[in-house]
C-alpha atoms as a PDB file:
ATOM      1  CA  UNK A   1      32.459  -9.982  18.669  1.00  0.00           C
ATOM      2  CA  UNK A   2      29.831  -7.379  17.065  1.00  0.00           C
ATOM      3  CA  UNK A   3      26.579  -6.653  19.321  1.00  0.00           C
ATOM      4  CA  UNK A   4      23.503  -6.374  17.456  1.00  0.00           C
ATOM      5  CA  UNK A   5      19.860  -5.191  18.425  1.00  0.00           C
ATOM      6  CA  UNK A   6      17.698  -7.646  17.454  1.00  0.00           C
ATOM      7  CA  UNK A   7      15.764  -6.821  13.933  1.00  0.00           C
ATOM      8  CA  UNK A   8      18.532  -4.259  12.913  1.00  0.00           C
ATOM      9  CA  UNK A   9      20.608  -5.701   9.829  1.00  0.00           C
ATOM     10  CA  UNK A  10      24.768  -6.305  10.016  1.00  0.00           C
ATOM     11  CA  UNK A  11      26.305  -2.764   9.657  1.00  0.00           C
ATOM     12  CA  UNK A  12      27.029  -3.711   5.681  1.00  0.00           C
ATOM     13  CA  UNK A  13      23.041  -4.745   5.325  1.00  0.00           C
ATOM     14  CA  UNK A  14      20.969  -1.862   4.266  1.00  0.00           C
ATOM     15  CA  UNK A  15      17.208  -2.723   5.994  1.00  0.00           C
ATOM     16  CA  UNK A  16      14.570  -2.780   3.019  1.00  0.00           C
ATOM     17  CA  UNK A  17      11.285  -3.033   2.901  1.00  0.00           C
ATOM     18  CA  UNK A  18       8.502  -3.141   0.268  1.00  0.00           C
ATOM     19  CA  UNK A  19       4.682  -3.266  -0.142  1.00  0.00           C
ATOM     20  CA  UNK A  20       2.023  -2.534  -2.716  1.00  0.00           C
ATOM     21  CA  UNK A  21      -0.766   0.132  -3.257  1.00  0.00           C
ATOM     22  CA  UNK A  22      -3.242   0.102  -6.663  1.00  0.00           C
ATOM     23  CA  UNK A  23      -0.752  -0.538  -9.485  1.00  0.00           C
ATOM     24  CA  UNK A  24       2.278   0.452  -8.206  1.00  0.00           C
ATOM     25  CA  UNK A  25       5.163  -1.529  -5.557  1.00  0.00           C
ATOM     26  CA  UNK A  26       6.892   0.806  -3.265  1.00  0.00           C
ATOM     27  CA  UNK A  27      10.470  -0.290  -1.740  1.00  0.00           C
ATOM     28  CA  UNK A  28      12.179   1.359   0.789  1.00  0.00           C
ATOM     29  CA  UNK A  29      15.304   1.275   1.801  1.00  0.00           C
ATOM     30  CA  UNK A  30      16.163   2.542   5.558  1.00  0.00           C
ATOM     31  CA  UNK A  31      19.553   4.721   5.653  1.00  0.00           C
ATOM     32  CA  UNK A  32      20.396   8.205   6.894  1.00  0.00           C
ATOM     33  CA  UNK A  33      21.846  11.169   5.527  1.00  0.00           C
ATOM     34  CA  UNK A  34      21.840  10.270   1.696  1.00  0.00           C
ATOM     35  CA  UNK A  35      21.572  13.079  -0.501  1.00  0.00           C
ATOM     36  CA  UNK A  36      20.653  11.920  -4.184  1.00  0.00           C
ATOM     37  CA  UNK A  37      24.180  12.033  -5.781  1.00  0.00           C
ATOM     38  CA  UNK A  38      24.847   9.018  -3.094  1.00  0.00           C
ATOM     39  CA  UNK A  39      21.775   6.937  -5.053  1.00  0.00           C
ATOM     40  CA  UNK A  40      21.870   5.414  -8.062  1.00  0.00           C
ATOM     41  CA  UNK A  41      18.308   3.491  -8.982  1.00  0.00           C
ATOM     42  CA  UNK A  42      18.228   1.698 -12.605  1.00  0.00           C
ATOM     43  CA  UNK A  43      14.917   0.544 -13.756  1.00  0.00           C
ATOM     44  CA  UNK A  44      14.519  -2.232 -16.322  1.00  0.00           C
ATOM     45  CA  UNK A  45      10.999  -4.341 -17.390  1.00  0.00           C
ATOM     46  CA  UNK A  46      11.901  -7.006 -14.698  1.00  0.00           C
ATOM     47  CA  UNK A  47      14.824  -5.624 -13.096  1.00  0.00           C
ATOM     48  CA  UNK A  48      15.463  -3.111 -10.165  1.00  0.00           C
ATOM     49  CA  UNK A  49      19.010  -2.138  -9.436  1.00  0.00           C
ATOM     50  CA  UNK A  50      19.808   0.476  -6.355  1.00  0.00           C
ATOM     51  CA  UNK A  51      23.437   1.281  -5.303  1.00  0.00           C
ATOM     52  CA  UNK A  52      23.677   3.623  -2.417  1.00  0.00           C
ATOM     53  CA  UNK A  53      27.697   5.063  -1.872  1.00  0.00           C
ATOM     54  CA  UNK A  54      27.662   4.530   2.082  1.00  0.00           C
ATOM     55  CA  UNK A  55      29.898   7.182   4.670  1.00  0.00           C
ATOM     56  CA  UNK A  56      32.760   5.143   4.481  1.00  0.00           C
ATOM     57  CA  UNK A  57      33.772   5.065   0.771  1.00  0.00           C
ATOM     58  CA  UNK A  58      31.448   1.826   0.900  1.00  0.00           C
ATOM     59  CA  UNK A  59      28.991   1.324  -2.048  1.00  0.00           C
ATOM     60  CA  UNK A  60      25.809  -0.928  -1.231  1.00  0.00           C
ATOM     61  CA  UNK A  61      24.701  -2.561  -4.677  1.00  0.00           C
ATOM     62  CA  UNK A  62      21.034  -4.360  -4.383  1.00  0.00           C
ATOM     63  CA  UNK A  63      19.539  -5.942  -7.342  1.00  0.00           C
ATOM     64  CA  UNK A  64      16.038  -7.221  -7.488  1.00  0.00           C
ATOM     65  CA  UNK A  65      16.275  -9.701 -10.402  1.00  0.00           C
ATOM     66  CA  UNK A  66      13.669 -10.717 -11.596  1.00  0.00           C
ATOM     67  CA  UNK A  67      11.269  -8.980  -9.963  1.00  0.00           C
ATOM     68  CA  UNK A  68       7.886 -10.522  -9.273  1.00  0.00           C
ATOM     69  CA  UNK A  69       5.968  -9.150 -12.162  1.00  0.00           C
ATOM     70  CA  UNK A  70       7.231  -6.410 -14.893  1.00  0.00           C
ATOM     71  CA  UNK A  71       7.146  -2.576 -13.981  1.00  0.00           C
ATOM     72  CA  UNK A  72       6.734   0.489 -16.536  1.00  0.00           C
ATOM     73  CA  UNK A  73      10.773   2.055 -16.363  1.00  0.00           C
ATOM     74  CA  UNK A  74       9.530   5.208 -17.620  1.00  0.00           C
ATOM     75  CA  UNK A  75       6.706   5.485 -14.606  1.00  0.00           C
ATOM     76  CA  UNK A  76       8.920   4.678 -11.998  1.00  0.00           C
ATOM     77  CA  UNK A  77      10.533   6.995 -10.011  1.00  0.00           C
ATOM     78  CA  UNK A  78      12.398   7.338  -6.338  1.00  0.00           C
ATOM     79  CA  UNK A  79      13.398  10.070  -3.591  1.00  0.00           C
ATOM     80  CA  UNK A  80      15.873  10.439  -0.851  1.00  0.00           C
ATOM     81  CA  UNK A  81      15.136  11.817   2.338  1.00  0.00           C
ATOM     82  CA  UNK A  82      16.602  12.213   5.610  1.00  0.00           C
ATOM     83  CA  UNK A  83      16.306   8.730   6.959  1.00  0.00           C
ATOM     84  CA  UNK A  84      15.622   6.759   3.932  1.00  0.00           C
ATOM     85  CA  UNK A  85      15.000   6.458  -0.063  1.00  0.00           C
ATOM     86  CA  UNK A  86      11.348   5.513  -1.373  1.00  0.00           C
ATOM     87  CA  UNK A  87      11.460   4.029  -4.786  1.00  0.00           C
ATOM     88  CA  UNK A  88       8.014   3.804  -6.522  1.00  0.00           C
ATOM     89  CA  UNK A  89       7.298   0.882  -9.125  1.00  0.00           C
ATOM     90  CA  UNK A  90       4.850   1.228 -11.832  1.00  0.00           C
ATOM     91  CA  UNK A  91       3.369  -2.603 -12.600  1.00  0.00           C
ATOM     92  CA  UNK A  92       2.580  -3.288 -16.228  1.00  0.00           C
ATOM     93  CA  UNK A  93      -0.609  -5.489 -14.637  1.00  0.00           C
ATOM     94  CA  UNK A  94      -2.679  -4.053 -11.897  1.00  0.00           C
ATOM     95  CA  UNK A  95      -2.678  -7.626 -10.062  1.00  0.00           C
ATOM     96  CA  UNK A  96      -1.052  -8.291  -6.336  1.00  0.00           C
ATOM     97  CA  UNK A  97       2.286  -9.447  -6.704  1.00  0.00           C
ATOM     98  CA  UNK A  98       2.738 -12.177  -4.197  1.00  0.00           C
ATOM     99  CA  UNK A  99       6.683 -11.278  -3.415  1.00  0.00           C
ATOM    100  CA  UNK A 100       8.948  -8.680  -4.327  1.00  0.00           C
ATOM    101  CA  UNK A 101      11.303 -10.791  -6.790  1.00  0.00           C
ATOM    102  CA  UNK A 102       9.574 -13.497  -9.053  1.00  0.00           C
ATOM    103  CA  UNK A 103      11.352 -16.105 -11.273  1.00  0.00           C
ATOM    104  CA  UNK A 104      12.332 -16.236 -14.983  1.00  0.00           C
ATOM    105  CA  UNK A 105       8.810 -17.268 -16.385  1.00  0.00           C
ATOM    106  CA  UNK A 106       6.384 -14.297 -16.534  1.00  0.00           C
ATOM    107  CA  UNK A 107       3.334 -15.087 -13.441  1.00  0.00           C
ATOM    108  CA  UNK A 108       0.105 -14.315 -14.412  1.00  0.00           C
ATOM    109  CA  UNK A 109      -1.963 -12.285 -12.238  1.00  0.00           C
ATOM    110  CA  UNK A 110      -5.100 -14.692 -10.218  1.00  0.00           C
ATOM    111  CA  UNK A 111      -8.414 -14.546 -11.001  1.00  0.00           C
ATOM    112  CA  UNK A 112     -10.533 -11.809  -9.624  1.00  0.00           C
ATOM    113  CA  UNK A 113     -12.261 -13.702  -6.486  1.00  0.00           C
ATOM    114  CA  UNK A 114     -15.892 -14.343  -7.452  1.00  0.00           C
ATOM    115  CA  UNK A 115     -18.438 -12.303  -4.709  1.00  0.00           C
ATOM    116  CA  UNK A 116     -20.517 -14.962  -3.429  1.00  0.00           C
ATOM    117  CA  UNK A 117     -24.254 -14.943  -4.020  1.00  0.00           C
ATOM    118  CA  UNK A 118     -26.076 -12.572  -1.804  1.00  0.00           C
ATOM    119  CA  UNK A 119     -27.605 -14.158   0.972  1.00  0.00           C
ATOM    120  CA  UNK A 120     -31.427 -14.410   0.733  1.00  0.00           C
ATOM    121  CA  UNK A 121     -32.638 -13.286   3.910  1.00  0.00           C
ATOM    122  CA  UNK A 122     -35.255 -16.180   5.892  1.00  0.00           C
ATOM    123  CA  UNK A 123     -38.462 -14.071   6.263  1.00  0.00           C
ATOM    124  CA  UNK A 124     -38.927 -16.679  10.159  1.00  0.00           C
ATOM    125  CA  UNK A 125     -36.106 -15.403  11.529  1.00  0.00           C
ATOM    126  CA  UNK A 126     -37.772 -11.683  12.123  1.00  0.00           C
ATOM    127  CA  UNK A 127     -37.970  -8.343  10.184  1.00  0.00           C
ATOM    128  CA  UNK A 128     -35.280  -7.181   8.202  1.00  0.00           C
ATOM    129  CA  UNK A 129     -33.476  -4.060   9.466  1.00  0.00           C
ATOM    130  CA  UNK A 130     -33.792  -1.023   6.687  1.00  0.00           C
ATOM    131  CA  UNK A 131     -30.717   0.136   5.454  1.00  0.00           C
ATOM    132  CA  UNK A 132     -31.779   3.013   3.378  1.00  0.00           C
ATOM    133  CA  UNK A 133     -33.258   5.823   5.626  1.00  0.00           C
ATOM    134  CA  UNK A 134     -33.926   9.339   4.433  1.00  0.00           C
ATOM    135  CA  UNK A 135     -31.986  11.185   7.253  1.00  0.00           C
ATOM    136  CA  UNK A 136     -33.381  14.594   6.259  1.00  0.00           C
ATOM    137  CA  UNK A 137     -36.916  13.529   6.132  1.00  0.00           C
ATOM    138  CA  UNK A 138     -36.470  11.390   9.612  1.00  0.00           C
ATOM    139  CA  UNK A 139     -35.163  14.748  10.737  1.00  0.00           C
ATOM    140  CA  UNK A 140     -37.772  16.963   9.483  1.00  0.00           C
ATOM    141  CA  UNK A 141     -40.273  14.650  11.850  1.00  0.00           C
ATOM    142  CA  UNK A 142     -38.399  14.848  15.130  1.00  0.00           C
ATOM    143  CA  UNK A 143     -37.977  18.562  14.423  1.00  0.00           C
ATOM    144  CA  UNK A 144     -41.841  18.702  13.737  1.00  0.00           C
ATOM    145  CA  UNK A 145     -42.691  16.710  16.954  1.00  0.00           C
ATOM    146  CA  UNK A 146     -40.601  18.352  19.405  1.00  0.00           C
ATOM    147  CA  UNK A 147     -42.473  22.297  17.934  1.00  0.00           C
ATOM    148  CA  UNK A 148     -45.317  20.294  18.836  1.00  0.00           C
ATOM    149  CA  UNK A 149     -44.195  20.234  22.670  1.00  0.00           C
ATOM    150  CA  UNK A 150     -43.155  23.142  22.964  1.00  0.00           C
ATOM    151  CA  UNK A 151     -46.494  24.286  21.647  1.00  0.00           C
ATOM    152  CA  UNK A 152     -48.509  21.892  24.065  1.00  0.00           C
ATOM    153  CA  UNK A 153     -46.462  23.552  26.758  1.00  0.00           C
ATOM    154  CA  UNK A 154     -47.350  26.609  26.302  1.00  0.00           C
ATOM    155  CA  UNK A 155     -51.344  26.189  26.402  1.00  0.00           C
END
């Protein structure tokens, strides 16, 4: 019987997560105490292969094939830290991937959402707030008013 804490992967599995930012996908494997020599990462156009040597002589291999979209292998990188391995994948096309892995068909970027037309203010609903203020001029006016009040108090 092997006791597991909720959310913790089995001993032979390594937990990983991914997220996207800009034209990149970041994949993080959470594993402690690994050195650069313990990690091998292979980048191909639609494939990411990660091999991590574990302390007990075993290897953990994880292959993402196919990736959701194509990557630029020469612009991908990875780093090994004390608690994790971070992999940075450069997307060929800058669009949001629905998942890390896809199918054999080439994905097509979803069309950019068209912005809703600007709302025309209804004049019957009252005044429309002004957002374009000259804050510098407003500060000068307040300063002048304060000076006038000080002069009146001296008289």
